[in-house]
Amino acid sequence: MKKPKVGLLVLTCPTHKNAKVETGQNWVDIENINKVKSSLKTLNIDIYEFKEIFASFYEFDTVEDAIFNEKIDMLFIYVSTWSWADQVSQFIRNINIPVFLYAMDDSKAWSIGGLAAIHGGLDELGIKHKIAYGDIKDDSIKNSIIDFAKAAMVKNILKKSKYGAIGGTGMGIISGIVDSNQWLKDFGILTGFIDQYSVVVEAQNVLEDEINKCYKELEQEYKSLPELNTIFKNSIRFYIAMEKVIKQEKFNFTGLKCTFDLSDNYCSGCLAQSRLAKRSFVSACLNDANGALSSYILSLINDSSPFFTADINLLSKKDNMIKMVDDGTASPALVENPKEDAELNFQPTIEAKASGICTKLIAQPGIVTLIKMVRVDGKYVMHITEGEAIDVPKDKRDSFFNECGYPNWPHALIKMKGDPEKFVQNLRSEYIHMTYGNYVGCLKDICYLLDIKINENY
């Protein structure tokens, strides 16, 4: 799993750095500093520790250099006593990375005042940051630190990322069209454009030995799969070609138009996108750029958990159940044992005259987070939904698969939290994007850092 890199800086003010309180103790309590360090080391973050205790503006130059050289995502500042907010605010303004301010609930430290003064200074300047006060061992504080650190990491990765728009926009999905200039301005994301034909040309150069090797690997992984005919070979060729193009173009995530020019004339992209998803690489159907960005953010938050992009096939308002169905791109990692619960089948030809290979499975149970990023009047919003993936008993799976009319496509059944009517009002695309775990806190911090409005179902 990717870990955010966090700089740890201890702060005081010039008059307190070497001072003692009237009862004789050092104003800057070394024991408190060690408590902070010990607690942070229990979190799933990489820590770069600044050894000195900082007090004055002229001491911060070395910190600025280290932040750049060490590629620090977030700076954690332990406000150990009072602070001179003007100097600290200038420093935070200049480093231009997310900052988490923390002060301990210690009467002798008087640190809540130092925390509040910096907090007020940063708000005065309009500088985004996050604060916490209390016991550093408190779970709510530790979770807040982790969420903000991950959000800072995601922001940092996005501004170095390149999106690959492969083909045009599919099936008129207007809410998925990329605005490459806005992405560069808002998120720092670079967009590269290539045609699907470039991938097909590369696919035609794939050797038979490569195809046979890939097919044998798939045989070992899945419960069942069709014979290796021309359709399957084209699907494997296209997957191998996608991997090569992604590497050549240095794409970090992609969208693929697929329907209908590729799917009618060569093969659907489903097998390729399923195999890419297995290694946590995002490739969105219909070149849905905002959908790709949604899944990419989820994959950055937790790259050890599978993600699932699918249509909202059905919402049952009476029991808050969402049925997600995708046309075949699901990762086999969505089930605990693909050899027992994942199949490969030929793609139906209603939207893919050349057919292809699609995945059939039901996503395993667990706590999930669903999101979708779209624009409303040119400004980004993120629709966030909490829920739980529900298992379907094996003796009821055939009828469950048949309900949507496409029994060979991947499904997920989600018990959502919140008001289903508000969920409908927040839907602005047929697609939604799922990962396992509850990442609402982190997603809200991402939205805060990137100026994205949050839509929830409450």
Protein backbone atom coordinates (compact mmCIF):
# COMPACT_ATOMS: atom_id res chain seq x y z
CA MET A 1 0.00 0.00 0.00
CA LYS A 2 1.20 3.51 -0.80
CA LYS A 3 2.16 5.40 2.34
CA PRO A 4 2.02 9.17 2.64
CA LYS A 5 5.29 10.81 3.63
CA VAL A 6 4.82 13.10 6.61
CA GLY A 7 7.28 15.62 7.98
CA LEU A 8 7.25 15.94 11.79
CA LEU A 9 8.16 19.38 13.10
CA VAL A 10 8.09 20.52 16.76
CA LEU A 11 7.24 24.20 17.20
CA THR A 12 7.50 26.70 20.03
CA CYS A 13 8.23 30.41 20.17
CA PRO A 14 11.52 32.29 20.82
CA THR A 15 10.66 33.18 24.42
CA HIS A 16 9.69 29.61 25.36
CA LYS A 17 12.40 27.61 23.56
CA ASN A 18 14.78 27.44 26.50
CA ALA A 19 12.51 28.81 29.24
CA LYS A 20 11.16 27.23 32.39
CA VAL A 21 7.75 27.76 33.94
CA GLU A 22 7.60 29.17 37.48
CA THR A 23 7.24 25.69 38.96
CA GLY A 24 10.64 24.82 37.51
CA GLN A 25 9.92 22.52 34.54
CA ASN A 26 11.02 23.20 30.96
CA TRP A 27 8.23 24.95 29.10
CA VAL A 28 8.86 22.71 26.07
CA ASP A 29 8.17 19.28 27.55
CA ILE A 30 10.42 16.61 26.01
CA GLU A 31 8.17 13.86 27.38
CA ASN A 32 5.22 15.32 25.46
CA ILE A 33 7.33 15.47 22.31
CA ASN A 34 8.22 11.80 22.70
CA LYS A 35 4.54 10.93 23.17
CA VAL A 36 3.75 12.60 19.86
CA LYS A 37 6.59 10.83 18.07
CA SER A 38 5.64 7.44 19.50
CA SER A 39 2.00 7.83 18.54
CA LEU A 40 2.76 8.91 14.97
CA LYS A 41 5.03 5.90 14.51
CA THR A 42 2.03 3.60 15.08
CA LEU A 43 0.29 5.04 12.02
CA ASN A 44 0.59 3.74 8.47
CA ILE A 45 2.73 6.66 7.31
CA ASP A 46 6.39 7.28 6.51
CA ILE A 47 7.83 9.90 8.87
CA TYR A 48 10.64 12.34 8.17
CA GLU A 49 11.62 13.81 11.50
CA PHE A 50 13.10 17.27 11.87
CA LYS A 51 15.44 16.94 14.83
CA GLU A 52 15.45 20.54 16.04
CA ILE A 53 12.76 22.41 17.95
CA PHE A 54 11.81 25.39 15.78
CA ALA A 55 10.87 28.83 17.06
CA SER A 56 11.86 31.66 14.67
CA PHE A 57 11.31 32.36 10.97
CA TYR A 58 15.02 32.25 10.08
CA GLU A 59 15.20 28.63 11.26
CA PHE A 60 12.68 27.41 8.66
CA ASP A 61 14.93 27.55 5.56
CA THR A 62 16.27 24.03 6.14
CA VAL A 63 12.72 22.75 6.48
CA GLU A 64 11.70 24.19 3.11
CA ASP A 65 14.67 22.51 1.43
CA ALA A 66 13.94 19.14 3.07
CA ILE A 67 10.27 19.23 2.10
CA PHE A 68 11.26 19.50 -1.55
CA ASN A 69 14.20 17.08 -1.46
CA GLU A 70 12.44 14.42 0.63
CA LYS A 71 9.17 14.68 -1.36
CA ILE A 72 7.10 15.23 1.78
CA ASP A 73 3.31 15.10 1.22
CA MET A 74 2.15 16.70 4.47
CA LEU A 75 3.80 18.59 7.32
CA PHE A 76 2.67 17.68 10.84
CA ILE A 77 3.41 20.54 13.23
CA TYR A 78 3.31 19.83 16.93
CA VAL A 79 2.55 23.18 18.58
CA SER A 80 4.25 22.53 21.91
CA THR A 81 3.63 25.94 23.56
CA TRP A 82 2.70 29.40 22.38
CA SER A 83 3.81 30.39 18.87
CA TRP A 84 4.38 33.49 16.83
CA ALA A 85 1.62 33.02 14.30
CA ASP A 86 2.84 35.59 11.78
CA GLN A 87 6.18 33.85 11.26
CA VAL A 88 4.64 30.38 11.16
CA SER A 89 1.92 31.51 8.74
CA GLN A 90 4.53 32.98 6.40
CA PHE A 91 6.48 29.72 6.49
CA ILE A 92 3.37 27.59 5.82
CA ARG A 93 2.35 29.88 2.97
CA ASN A 94 5.75 29.44 1.35
CA ILE A 95 6.07 25.65 1.61
CA ASN A 96 2.75 25.21 -0.23
CA ILE A 97 1.90 21.71 1.03
CA PRO A 98 -0.93 20.62 3.33
CA VAL A 99 -0.22 21.20 7.02
CA PHE A 100 -1.72 19.46 10.05
CA LEU A 101 -1.48 21.45 13.30
CA TYR A 102 -1.72 19.62 16.61
CA ALA A 103 -1.55 20.73 20.26
CA MET A 104 -1.73 18.58 23.39
CA ASP A 105 -4.24 19.12 26.20
CA ASP A 106 -1.58 20.02 28.77
CA SER A 107 -2.27 22.97 31.09
CA LYS A 108 1.41 23.72 31.60
CA ALA A 109 2.03 24.00 27.85
CA TRP A 110 -0.53 26.75 27.14
CA SER A 111 -0.48 25.30 23.63
CA ILE A 112 -4.14 25.68 22.71
CA GLY A 113 -3.49 29.40 22.39
CA GLY A 114 -0.53 28.80 20.09
CA LEU A 115 -2.66 26.43 18.00
CA ALA A 116 -5.54 28.88 17.79
CA ALA A 117 -3.28 31.79 16.81
CA ILE A 118 -1.80 29.90 13.86
CA HIS A 119 -5.22 28.53 12.89
CA GLY A 120 -6.59 32.06 12.83
CA GLY A 121 -3.61 33.36 10.89
CA LEU A 122 -3.94 30.71 8.21
CA ASP A 123 -7.68 31.30 7.90
CA GLU A 124 -6.97 35.02 7.60
CA LEU A 125 -4.69 34.23 4.65
CA GLY A 126 -7.01 31.62 3.14
CA ILE A 127 -4.47 28.79 3.53
CA LYS A 128 -5.94 25.29 3.78
CA HIS A 129 -4.92 23.24 6.81
CA LYS A 130 -6.32 20.92 9.47
CA ILE A 131 -6.10 21.07 13.26
CA ALA A 132 -6.56 18.79 16.25
CA TYR A 133 -6.34 19.29 20.02
CA GLY A 134 -6.33 16.69 22.78
CA ASP A 135 -4.72 13.34 23.55
CA ILE A 136 -2.47 12.22 20.69
CA LYS A 137 -3.47 8.60 21.43
CA ASP A 138 -7.14 9.38 20.78
CA ASP A 139 -8.37 7.30 17.81
CA SER A 140 -10.32 10.21 16.36
CA ILE A 141 -7.16 12.32 16.25
CA LYS A 142 -5.06 9.51 14.78
CA ASN A 143 -7.70 8.81 12.12
CA SER A 144 -7.85 12.50 11.31
CA ILE A 145 -4.07 12.57 10.81
CA ILE A 146 -4.13 9.51 8.55
CA ASP A 147 -7.04 10.84 6.47
CA PHE A 148 -5.39 14.21 5.90
CA ALA A 149 -2.00 12.66 5.16
CA LYS A 150 -3.54 10.36 2.54
CA ALA A 151 -5.45 13.28 1.06
CA ALA A 152 -2.22 15.26 0.84
CA MET A 153 -0.53 12.29 -0.85
CA VAL A 154 -3.36 11.99 -3.38
CA LYS A 155 -3.14 15.70 -4.17
CA ASN A 156 0.61 15.37 -4.64
CA ILE A 157 0.30 12.33 -6.93
CA LEU A 158 -2.46 13.87 -9.04
CA LYS A 159 -0.34 16.89 -9.93
CA LYS A 160 2.30 14.53 -11.37
CA SER A 161 -0.13 12.20 -13.19
CA LYS A 162 -0.90 11.69 -16.87
CA TYR A 163 -4.29 10.56 -18.13
CA GLY A 164 -4.54 8.63 -21.38
CA ALA A 165 -7.68 9.40 -23.39
CA ILE A 166 -7.80 6.49 -25.84
CA GLY A 167 -10.39 7.22 -28.51
CA GLY A 168 -13.28 9.67 -28.34
CA THR A 169 -16.25 9.76 -25.98
CA GLY A 170 -18.55 6.74 -26.04
CA MET A 171 -22.34 6.62 -26.18
CA GLY A 172 -22.85 10.34 -25.58
CA ILE A 173 -21.70 10.32 -21.94
CA ILE A 174 -21.46 14.10 -21.63
CA SER A 175 -20.65 14.06 -17.90
CA GLY A 176 -17.51 12.05 -18.64
CA ILE A 177 -15.88 14.27 -21.26
CA VAL A 178 -12.42 15.40 -20.22
CA ASP A 179 -11.60 19.10 -20.02
CA SER A 180 -7.83 18.76 -20.16
CA ASN A 181 -7.17 22.42 -19.41
CA GLN A 182 -9.38 22.36 -16.30
CA TRP A 183 -7.69 19.18 -15.12
CA LEU A 184 -4.29 20.79 -15.50
CA LYS A 185 -5.46 23.94 -13.72
CA ASP A 186 -7.44 22.32 -10.89
CA PHE A 187 -5.50 19.11 -10.25
CA GLY A 188 -2.21 19.37 -12.16
CA ILE A 189 -3.12 16.34 -14.31
CA LEU A 190 -1.68 16.15 -17.83
CA THR A 191 -3.84 14.56 -20.55
CA GLY A 192 -2.52 12.62 -23.51
CA PHE A 193 -4.72 11.79 -26.50
CA ILE A 194 -4.24 8.77 -28.76
CA ASP A 195 -6.52 6.83 -31.08
CA GLN A 196 -7.72 3.30 -30.44
CA TYR A 197 -6.24 2.36 -33.81
CA SER A 198 -2.77 2.84 -32.31
CA VAL A 199 -3.54 0.08 -29.82
CA VAL A 200 -4.98 -2.18 -32.55
CA VAL A 201 -1.82 -1.76 -34.64
CA GLU A 202 0.25 -2.72 -31.62
CA ALA A 203 -2.10 -5.66 -31.00
CA GLN A 204 -1.44 -7.05 -34.47
CA ASN A 205 2.24 -7.35 -33.59
CA VAL A 206 1.61 -9.61 -30.59
CA LEU A 207 3.15 -13.06 -31.13
CA GLU A 208 1.27 -16.36 -30.89
CA ASP A 209 3.58 -17.47 -28.09
CA GLU A 210 2.54 -14.42 -26.02
CA ILE A 211 -1.13 -15.22 -26.63
CA ASN A 212 -0.75 -18.87 -25.64
CA LYS A 213 1.18 -17.97 -22.50
CA CYS A 214 -1.49 -15.48 -21.42
CA TYR A 215 -4.29 -17.98 -22.12
CA LYS A 216 -2.60 -20.64 -19.97
CA GLU A 217 -2.28 -18.14 -17.12
CA LEU A 218 -5.98 -17.35 -17.39
CA GLU A 219 -6.81 -21.06 -17.33
CA GLN A 220 -5.00 -21.36 -14.01
CA GLU A 221 -6.78 -18.34 -12.52
CA TYR A 222 -10.46 -18.63 -13.48
CA LYS A 223 -13.16 -21.21 -12.81
CA SER A 224 -13.92 -21.49 -16.52
CA LEU A 225 -13.19 -19.75 -19.82
CA PRO A 226 -14.04 -20.26 -23.49
CA GLU A 227 -11.86 -21.94 -26.06
CA LEU A 228 -8.98 -19.99 -27.57
CA ASN A 229 -10.55 -18.83 -30.83
CA THR A 230 -10.06 -15.65 -32.89
CA ILE A 231 -12.27 -13.60 -30.55
CA PHE A 232 -10.27 -14.64 -27.49
CA LYS A 233 -6.98 -14.13 -29.31
CA ASN A 234 -7.95 -10.59 -30.32
CA SER A 235 -8.92 -9.84 -26.73
CA ILE A 236 -5.56 -11.07 -25.46
CA ARG A 237 -3.74 -9.18 -28.21
CA PHE A 238 -5.54 -6.00 -27.25
CA TYR A 239 -4.71 -6.47 -23.56
CA ILE A 240 -0.99 -6.98 -24.23
CA ALA A 241 -1.04 -4.00 -26.59
CA MET A 242 -2.72 -1.81 -23.96
CA GLU A 243 0.03 -2.66 -21.51
CA LYS A 244 2.67 -1.68 -24.07
CA VAL A 245 0.97 1.58 -25.02
CA ILE A 246 0.43 2.54 -21.37
CA LYS A 247 4.14 1.98 -20.72
CA GLN A 248 5.24 3.82 -23.87
CA GLU A 249 3.01 6.84 -23.22
CA LYS A 250 3.69 6.80 -19.46
CA PHE A 251 -0.03 6.93 -18.64
CA ASN A 252 -0.97 6.67 -14.96
CA PHE A 253 -4.64 5.98 -15.70
CA THR A 254 -6.71 5.79 -18.87
CA GLY A 255 -10.12 5.82 -20.48
CA LEU A 256 -11.04 3.71 -23.50
CA LYS A 257 -13.93 4.56 -25.83
CA CYS A 258 -14.45 0.94 -26.99
CA THR A 259 -18.13 1.17 -28.02
CA PHE A 260 -18.76 0.95 -30.91
CA ASP A 261 -15.83 1.37 -33.28
CA LEU A 262 -13.47 -0.92 -31.38
CA SER A 263 -16.11 -3.33 -30.08
CA ASP A 264 -17.78 -3.71 -33.48
CA ASN A 265 -14.62 -4.06 -35.56
CA TYR A 266 -11.94 -5.75 -33.46
CA CYS A 267 -13.03 -6.75 -29.93
CA SER A 268 -14.41 -5.21 -26.78
CA GLY A 269 -11.84 -3.84 -24.37
CA CYS A 270 -13.29 -5.71 -21.38
CA LEU A 271 -10.60 -8.35 -20.92
CA ALA A 272 -7.86 -5.74 -21.19
CA GLN A 273 -9.51 -3.47 -18.66
CA SER A 274 -10.20 -6.38 -16.29
CA ARG A 275 -6.56 -7.47 -16.36
CA LEU A 276 -5.40 -3.89 -15.84
CA ALA A 277 -7.79 -3.53 -12.88
CA LYS A 278 -6.31 -6.67 -11.34
CA ARG A 279 -3.02 -4.79 -10.91
CA SER A 280 -4.91 -1.69 -9.66
CA PHE A 281 -4.50 0.21 -12.93
CA VAL A 282 -7.57 2.26 -13.86
CA SER A 283 -8.99 2.18 -17.37
CA ALA A 284 -12.51 3.57 -17.64
CA CYS A 285 -15.17 2.40 -20.07
CA LEU A 286 -16.50 4.83 -22.71
CA ASN A 287 -13.45 7.03 -22.07
CA ASP A 288 -15.36 8.39 -19.06
CA ALA A 289 -12.61 10.70 -17.82
CA ASN A 290 -14.40 11.77 -14.65
CA GLY A 291 -15.14 8.14 -13.90
CA ALA A 292 -11.48 7.30 -14.45
CA LEU A 293 -10.49 10.10 -12.07
CA SER A 294 -12.96 8.76 -9.48
CA SER A 295 -11.49 5.25 -9.60
CA TYR A 296 -7.93 6.61 -9.75
CA ILE A 297 -8.45 8.52 -6.51
CA LEU A 298 -9.84 5.38 -4.84
CA SER A 299 -6.86 3.35 -6.08
CA LEU A 300 -4.43 5.92 -4.66
CA ILE A 301 -6.12 5.89 -1.26
CA ASN A 302 -5.88 2.11 -1.04
CA ASP A 303 -3.99 0.32 -3.80
CA SER A 304 -4.25 -3.01 -1.97
CA SER A 305 -8.03 -3.18 -2.38
CA PRO A 306 -9.83 -3.89 -5.68
CA PHE A 307 -12.03 -1.20 -7.22
CA PHE A 308 -15.18 -1.78 -9.25
CA THR A 309 -16.70 0.51 -11.88
CA ALA A 310 -20.23 -0.41 -12.89
CA ASP A 311 -23.62 0.86 -13.97
CA ILE A 312 -26.28 1.48 -11.38
CA ASN A 313 -28.60 -1.18 -12.75
CA LEU A 314 -31.25 -0.95 -10.03
CA LEU A 315 -32.02 0.91 -6.81
CA SER A 316 -34.57 -0.67 -4.50
CA LYS A 317 -35.84 2.22 -2.39
CA LYS A 318 -37.74 0.03 0.04
CA ASP A 319 -34.61 -1.71 1.33
CA ASN A 320 -31.82 0.68 0.23
CA MET A 321 -30.27 -1.91 -2.07
CA ILE A 322 -28.18 -0.98 -5.11
CA LYS A 323 -27.47 -3.48 -7.85
CA MET A 324 -24.27 -2.68 -9.75
CA VAL A 325 -23.70 -4.40 -13.10
CA ASP A 326 -20.72 -3.88 -15.37
CA ASP A 327 -20.34 -5.07 -18.95
CA GLY A 328 -17.32 -7.24 -18.22
CA THR A 329 -14.32 -5.21 -17.03
CA ALA A 330 -14.36 -6.27 -13.36
CA SER A 331 -11.14 -7.37 -11.69
CA PRO A 332 -11.05 -11.01 -10.54
CA ALA A 333 -9.68 -9.62 -7.25
CA LEU A 334 -13.28 -8.69 -6.38
CA VAL A 335 -13.79 -12.31 -5.29
CA GLU A 336 -11.80 -14.16 -2.66
CA ASN A 337 -11.07 -17.15 -4.90
CA PRO A 338 -11.39 -16.54 -8.69
CA LYS A 339 -10.80 -20.24 -9.33
CA GLU A 340 -14.14 -20.91 -7.66
CA ASP A 341 -16.14 -17.72 -8.25
CA ALA A 342 -14.93 -15.95 -11.41
CA GLU A 343 -15.59 -16.95 -15.00
CA LEU A 344 -14.68 -15.62 -18.43
CA ASN A 345 -17.27 -15.71 -21.21
CA PHE A 346 -17.78 -14.37 -24.71
CA GLN A 347 -19.17 -10.84 -24.79
CA PRO A 348 -22.79 -10.49 -26.07
CA THR A 349 -22.85 -8.84 -29.49
CA ILE A 350 -25.63 -6.26 -29.06
CA GLU A 351 -23.04 -3.53 -28.31
CA ALA A 352 -19.98 -5.45 -29.50
CA LYS A 353 -20.49 -7.04 -32.92
CA ALA A 354 -16.92 -8.33 -32.82
CA SER A 355 -17.63 -9.77 -29.34
CA GLY A 356 -14.80 -10.09 -26.82
CA ILE A 357 -14.22 -11.60 -23.38
CA CYS A 358 -16.12 -10.49 -20.28
CA THR A 359 -15.81 -11.39 -16.60
CA LYS A 360 -18.64 -12.97 -14.60
CA LEU A 361 -18.63 -12.73 -10.80
CA ILE A 362 -20.40 -11.34 -7.74
CA ALA A 363 -18.29 -8.98 -5.64
CA GLN A 364 -17.41 -10.40 -2.24
CA PRO A 365 -19.06 -8.98 0.90
CA GLY A 366 -17.53 -6.16 2.90
CA ILE A 367 -17.76 -2.49 3.87
CA VAL A 368 -17.51 -0.31 0.75
CA THR A 369 -17.26 3.31 -0.30
CA LEU A 370 -18.83 4.50 -3.57
CA ILE A 371 -17.99 7.77 -5.31
CA LYS A 372 -18.58 9.63 -8.54
CA MET A 373 -16.95 12.86 -9.67
CA VAL A 374 -18.81 15.08 -12.13
CA ARG A 375 -19.12 18.77 -12.89
CA VAL A 376 -22.10 20.97 -12.13
CA ASP A 377 -21.98 24.24 -14.03
CA GLY A 378 -18.27 23.77 -14.61
CA LYS A 379 -17.35 23.05 -10.98
CA TYR A 380 -16.46 19.62 -9.64
CA VAL A 381 -18.60 17.76 -7.13
CA MET A 382 -18.02 14.35 -5.56
CA HIS A 383 -20.97 12.13 -4.75
CA ILE A 384 -20.02 9.93 -1.76
CA THR A 385 -22.00 6.90 -0.62
CA GLU A 386 -21.29 4.54 2.26
CA GLY A 387 -22.51 0.97 2.20
CA GLU A 388 -21.85 -2.73 2.49
CA ALA A 389 -21.48 -5.30 -0.27
CA ILE A 390 -23.87 -8.19 0.41
CA ASP A 391 -23.22 -11.78 -0.58
CA VAL A 392 -25.74 -13.69 -2.68
CA PRO A 393 -26.25 -17.35 -1.67
CA LYS A 394 -24.95 -19.73 -4.31
CA ASP A 395 -28.33 -21.39 -4.79
CA LYS A 396 -29.84 -18.00 -5.72
CA ARG A 397 -27.05 -16.70 -7.94
CA ASP A 398 -28.40 -17.96 -11.27
CA SER A 399 -31.68 -16.11 -10.82
CA PHE A 400 -29.82 -13.05 -9.53
CA PHE A 401 -27.57 -12.96 -12.59
CA ASN A 402 -30.56 -13.37 -14.90
CA GLU A 403 -32.54 -10.45 -13.45
CA CYS A 404 -30.80 -7.78 -15.53
CA GLY A 405 -30.91 -9.82 -18.74
CA TYR A 406 -27.12 -10.21 -18.94
CA PRO A 407 -26.17 -13.19 -16.78
CA ASN A 408 -22.52 -13.27 -17.86
CA TRP A 409 -21.62 -9.81 -16.57
CA PRO A 410 -20.10 -8.94 -13.15
CA HIS A 411 -22.45 -7.85 -10.36
CA ALA A 412 -22.34 -6.31 -6.90
CA LEU A 413 -25.20 -5.97 -4.42
CA ILE A 414 -24.82 -2.99 -2.08
CA LYS A 415 -26.79 -2.08 1.03
CA MET A 416 -26.41 1.70 0.98
CA LYS A 417 -26.60 4.15 3.86
CA GLY A 418 -28.69 7.28 3.63
CA ASP A 419 -31.79 8.44 1.78
CA PRO A 420 -32.28 6.60 -1.54
CA GLU A 421 -34.16 9.57 -3.00
CA LYS A 422 -31.19 11.85 -2.30
CA PHE A 423 -28.97 9.19 -3.87
CA VAL A 424 -31.01 9.41 -7.07
CA GLN A 425 -30.87 13.21 -7.04
CA ASN A 426 -27.08 13.04 -6.71
CA LEU A 427 -26.64 10.60 -9.62
CA ARG A 428 -25.29 12.34 -12.74
CA SER A 429 -23.89 9.33 -14.58
CA GLU A 430 -24.83 5.73 -15.11
CA TYR A 431 -21.50 4.74 -13.57
CA ILE A 432 -20.41 4.65 -9.94
CA HIS A 433 -17.05 3.58 -8.50
CA MET A 434 -16.51 1.28 -5.53
CA THR A 435 -13.68 0.21 -3.26
CA TYR A 436 -13.60 -1.83 -0.07
CA GLY A 437 -13.26 0.00 3.24
CA ASN A 438 -14.63 3.25 4.65
CA TYR A 439 -12.70 6.20 3.23
CA VAL A 440 -15.28 8.94 3.69
CA GLY A 441 -13.04 10.99 5.99
CA CYS A 442 -10.12 10.88 3.58
CA LEU A 443 -12.33 11.68 0.58
CA LYS A 444 -13.75 14.70 2.38
CA ASP A 445 -10.21 15.91 3.05
CA ILE A 446 -9.34 15.41 -0.64
CA CYS A 447 -12.37 17.47 -1.62
CA TYR A 448 -11.34 20.17 0.86
CA LEU A 449 -7.81 20.36 -0.54
CA LEU A 450 -8.97 20.35 -4.17
CA ASP A 451 -12.00 22.66 -3.79
CA ILE A 452 -14.50 19.96 -4.72
CA LYS A 453 -18.04 20.17 -3.42
CA ILE A 454 -19.30 17.10 -1.52
CA ASN A 455 -22.72 15.54 -2.14
CA GLU A 456 -23.93 12.93 0.36
CA ASN A 457 -27.18 11.03 0.73
CA TYR A 458 -28.25 12.42 4.12
